[in-house]
C-alpha atoms as a PDB file:
ATOM      1  CA  MET A   1      44.458 201.310 126.768  1.00  0.00           C
ATOM      2  CA  GLU A   2      41.371 199.177 126.485  1.00  0.00           C
ATOM      3  CA  ALA A   3      38.377 200.411 124.503  1.00  0.00           C
ATOM      4  CA  VAL A   4      34.982 198.947 123.697  1.00  0.00           C
ATOM      5  CA  LEU A   5      32.410 199.563 121.000  1.00  0.00           C
ATOM      6  CA  ALA A   6      29.054 201.090 121.934  1.00  0.00           C
ATOM      7  CA  ASP A   7      25.793 200.412 120.162  1.00  0.00           C
ATOM      8  CA  THR A   8      22.501 202.290 120.199  1.00  0.00           C
ATOM      9  CA  GLY A   9      20.999 200.302 123.068  1.00  0.00           C
ATOM     10  CA  PHE A  10      23.958 201.046 125.312  1.00  0.00           C
ATOM     11  CA  VAL A  11      23.850 204.800 124.657  1.00  0.00           C
ATOM     12  CA  VAL A  12      20.069 204.950 125.081  1.00  0.00           C
ATOM     13  CA  ALA A  13      20.280 203.112 128.419  1.00  0.00           C
ATOM     14  CA  LEU A  14      23.125 205.366 129.537  1.00  0.00           C
ATOM     15  CA  SER A  15      21.248 208.543 128.557  1.00  0.00           C
ATOM     16  CA  ASN A  16      17.942 207.622 130.166  1.00  0.00           C
ATOM     17  CA  ARG A  17      18.039 207.319 133.960  1.00  0.00           C
ATOM     18  CA  LEU A  18      14.639 205.630 133.856  1.00  0.00           C
ATOM     19  CA  ASP A  19      15.844 202.877 131.497  1.00  0.00           C
ATOM     20  CA  ALA A  20      15.845 199.423 133.095  1.00  0.00           C
ATOM     21  CA  ARG A  21      19.501 198.975 132.119  1.00  0.00           C
ATOM     22  CA  HIS A  22      20.772 202.445 133.011  1.00  0.00           C
ATOM     23  CA  ARG A  23      22.778 201.343 136.059  1.00  0.00           C
ATOM     24  CA  GLU A  24      24.422 198.523 134.129  1.00  0.00           C
ATOM     25  CA  ALA A  25      25.288 200.850 131.246  1.00  0.00           C
ATOM     26  CA  LEU A  26      26.686 203.443 133.643  1.00  0.00           C
ATOM     27  CA  ALA A  27      28.881 200.827 135.339  1.00  0.00           C
ATOM     28  CA  VAL A  28      30.300 199.759 131.972  1.00  0.00           C
ATOM     29  CA  TYR A  29      30.765 203.400 130.930  1.00  0.00           C
ATOM     30  CA  LEU A  30      32.780 204.095 134.078  1.00  0.00           C
ATOM     31  CA  GLN A  31      34.847 200.941 133.618  1.00  0.00           C
ATOM     32  CA  PHE A  32      36.459 202.013 130.327  1.00  0.00           C
ATOM     33  CA  SER A  33      38.438 205.130 129.531  1.00  0.00           C
ATOM     34  CA  GLN A  34      37.491 205.017 125.843  1.00  0.00           C
ATOM     35  CA  ILE A  35      34.234 203.884 124.289  1.00  0.00           C
ATOM     36  CA  LEU A  36      34.120 203.815 120.511  1.00  0.00           C
ATOM     37  CA  LEU A  37      30.914 205.256 119.127  1.00  0.00           C
ATOM     38  CA  PRO A  38      30.132 204.923 115.411  1.00  0.00           C
ATOM     39  CA  GLN A  39      28.643 208.148 114.078  1.00  0.00           C
ATOM     40  CA  VAL A  40      25.848 206.168 112.437  1.00  0.00           C
ATOM     41  CA  VAL A  41      24.592 205.305 115.935  1.00  0.00           C
ATOM     42  CA  LEU A  42      23.938 208.985 116.673  1.00  0.00           C
ATOM     43  CA  VAL A  43      20.893 209.123 114.405  1.00  0.00           C
ATOM     44  CA  GLU A  44      19.194 206.243 116.225  1.00  0.00           C
ATOM     45  CA  VAL A  45      20.216 207.600 119.618  1.00  0.00           C
ATOM     46  CA  ALA A  46      18.824 211.054 118.817  1.00  0.00           C
ATOM     47  CA  TYR A  47      15.504 209.588 117.715  1.00  0.00           C
ATOM     48  CA  LEU A  48      15.076 207.128 120.595  1.00  0.00           C
ATOM     49  CA  VAL A  49      16.305 209.394 123.386  1.00  0.00           C
ATOM     50  CA  GLY A  50      14.348 212.327 121.956  1.00  0.00           C
ATOM     51  CA  HIS A  51      11.207 210.207 121.856  1.00  0.00           C
ATOM     52  CA  ASP A  52      11.651 208.635 125.309  1.00  0.00           C
ATOM     53  CA  VAL A  53      13.261 211.420 127.338  1.00  0.00           C
ATOM     54  CA  GLY A  54      13.083 214.581 125.259  1.00  0.00           C
ATOM     55  CA  ILE A  55      15.094 216.748 122.913  1.00  0.00           C
ATOM     56  CA  PRO A  56      16.890 218.625 125.731  1.00  0.00           C
ATOM     57  CA  THR A  57      18.507 215.318 126.756  1.00  0.00           C
ATOM     58  CA  VAL A  58      19.611 214.704 123.165  1.00  0.00           C
ATOM     59  CA  VAL A  59      21.121 218.182 122.993  1.00  0.00           C
ATOM     60  CA  ALA A  60      22.905 217.693 126.340  1.00  0.00           C
ATOM     61  CA  PHE A  61      24.292 214.338 125.191  1.00  0.00           C
ATOM     62  CA  LEU A  62      25.584 215.744 121.900  1.00  0.00           C
ATOM     63  CA  GLN A  63      27.090 218.823 123.567  1.00  0.00           C
ATOM     64  CA  GLY A  64      28.770 216.625 126.158  1.00  0.00           C
ATOM     65  CA  LEU A  65      30.423 214.278 123.664  1.00  0.00           C
ATOM     66  CA  PRO A  66      33.770 216.140 123.523  1.00  0.00           C
ATOM     67  CA  ALA A  67      34.218 215.831 127.299  1.00  0.00           C
ATOM     68  CA  SER A  68      32.945 212.245 127.478  1.00  0.00           C
ATOM     69  CA  ARG A  69      34.679 208.883 127.186  1.00  0.00           C
ATOM     70  CA  PHE A  70      33.128 208.418 123.751  1.00  0.00           C
ATOM     71  CA  ILE A  71      35.407 208.475 120.735  1.00  0.00           C
ATOM     72  CA  LEU A  72      33.407 209.111 117.552  1.00  0.00           C
ATOM     73  CA  ILE A  73      34.200 206.806 114.663  1.00  0.00           C
ATOM     74  CA  PRO A  74      33.537 208.343 111.242  1.00  0.00           C
ATOM     75  CA  ALA A  75      30.988 206.371 109.243  1.00  0.00           C
ATOM     76  CA  THR A  76      33.628 205.447 106.679  1.00  0.00           C
ATOM     77  CA  ASP A  77      35.956 203.952 109.301  1.00  0.00           C
ATOM     78  CA  HIS A  78      33.632 202.044 111.613  1.00  0.00           C
ATOM     79  CA  VAL A  79      33.652 198.742 109.721  1.00  0.00           C
ATOM     80  CA  CYS A  80      37.449 198.529 109.716  1.00  0.00           C
ATOM     81  CA  ILE A  81      37.677 199.400 113.390  1.00  0.00           C
ATOM     82  CA  VAL A  82      35.050 196.839 114.337  1.00  0.00           C
ATOM     83  CA  GLN A  83      36.921 194.170 112.400  1.00  0.00           C
ATOM     84  CA  GLN A  84      40.179 195.070 114.135  1.00  0.00           C
ATOM     85  CA  MET A  85      38.562 194.935 117.541  1.00  0.00           C
ATOM     86  CA  VAL A  86      36.924 191.597 116.916  1.00  0.00           C
ATOM     87  CA  PHE A  87      40.112 190.026 115.663  1.00  0.00           C
ATOM     88  CA  ALA A  88      42.240 191.618 118.397  1.00  0.00           C
ATOM     89  CA  SER A  89      40.043 190.579 121.294  1.00  0.00           C
ATOM     90  CA  MET A  90      36.639 188.938 121.127  1.00  0.00           C
ATOM     91  CA  GLN A  91      36.235 189.371 124.854  1.00  0.00           C
ATOM     92  CA  THR A  92      36.784 193.138 124.715  1.00  0.00           C
ATOM     93  CA  ALA A  93      34.518 193.615 121.708  1.00  0.00           C
ATOM     94  CA  MET A  94      31.699 191.750 123.408  1.00  0.00           C
ATOM     95  CA  VAL A  95      32.003 193.233 126.898  1.00  0.00           C
ATOM     96  CA  LEU A  96      29.113 195.668 126.493  1.00  0.00           C
ATOM     97  CA  GLN A  97      26.720 192.990 125.323  1.00  0.00           C
ATOM     98  CA  THR A  98      27.860 190.538 127.996  1.00  0.00           C
ATOM     99  CA  SER A  99      27.621 193.124 130.760  1.00  0.00           C
ATOM    100  CA  LEU A 100      24.121 194.125 129.751  1.00  0.00           C
ATOM    101  CA  GLU A 101      22.911 190.521 129.509  1.00  0.00           C
ATOM    102  CA  LYS A 102      23.734 189.722 133.159  1.00  0.00           C
END
């Protein structure tokens, strides 16, 4: 099963339908069955989405995490997982960035 690593920009674009990159982020989201999400990203996402779209969207995103494709990575584990992904497949680890740059 292929998985990718999400960053703040990806989650913000996915959460905000008015974001210029929302459609691209949604296409990538639908392409993968698992998207690794470091817990440390949640703080930035909550701030940015709350500021741009509103707190109800933040709450909906957080409540929807268990049913989503996102797999939360504990803050203590994210560095090791990122290293494993990069070494295992540079192409897979970079797919989000590449997809959003097109």
